[in-house]
Amino acid sequence: MNQPDLNSRLDDESSRLRRFYLIGVLGVLISAILVITALVATNGTQIEVMPSEAQETATVTVSRGFGLYLSGAIYSLSGTPEITVSAQEYETKTEDLPASALGKNHRVQLRELPGMLRVETSPSLPETAWYLNGQNVVIGPRLEKDLYSGDYILQIVHPFFQRHEEK
């Protein structure tokens, strides 16, 4: 084989590879444009995180289904995507986005993380009964309990001491 024929074949093969890669890149771009268009066409579901203090640090992700969270809205091609919402100092919440909410506003109510109540007797009295809102929680020298914000009545009962109650 002479040199001009080899160069011609290499040029032809190079042109063929360029066309192949160009068609592949165009296919990927067209597919991406179609997916983005389909997502935008769903009008997105606006996610409102409550309480408003949680909105500031909230993160929203699509945990099941095909979708994208962008600028406060979920764009989904799934019938009922599952979303996970979290924020600092609040419990993470995962819920299905109902089909009736798609393209509309959807409110997610987060709950504050519980606080820790720690109380103990001094001196240590193992027979002490601890009651919260009238229900026996533990018998022992100390009480450690996670509690959500709210009003509670704490009663401390010991067989050899006067009953004590705190709100």
Foldseek 3Di string as FASTA:
>chain_A
DDDVVVVVVVVVVVVVVVVVVVVVVVVVVVVVVVVVVQQVVQLFEAEAEPDPVQVVFKDKDFPDADWDDDPRTIRHPDQWTKMWMDGPQWDIDIDIHHNVRGNYYDYDYTFGWFDKDKDFDVPWDQQKFKDKQRHTDDGTGMDIDTDGDDDIKIWIDHPVDDIDIDD
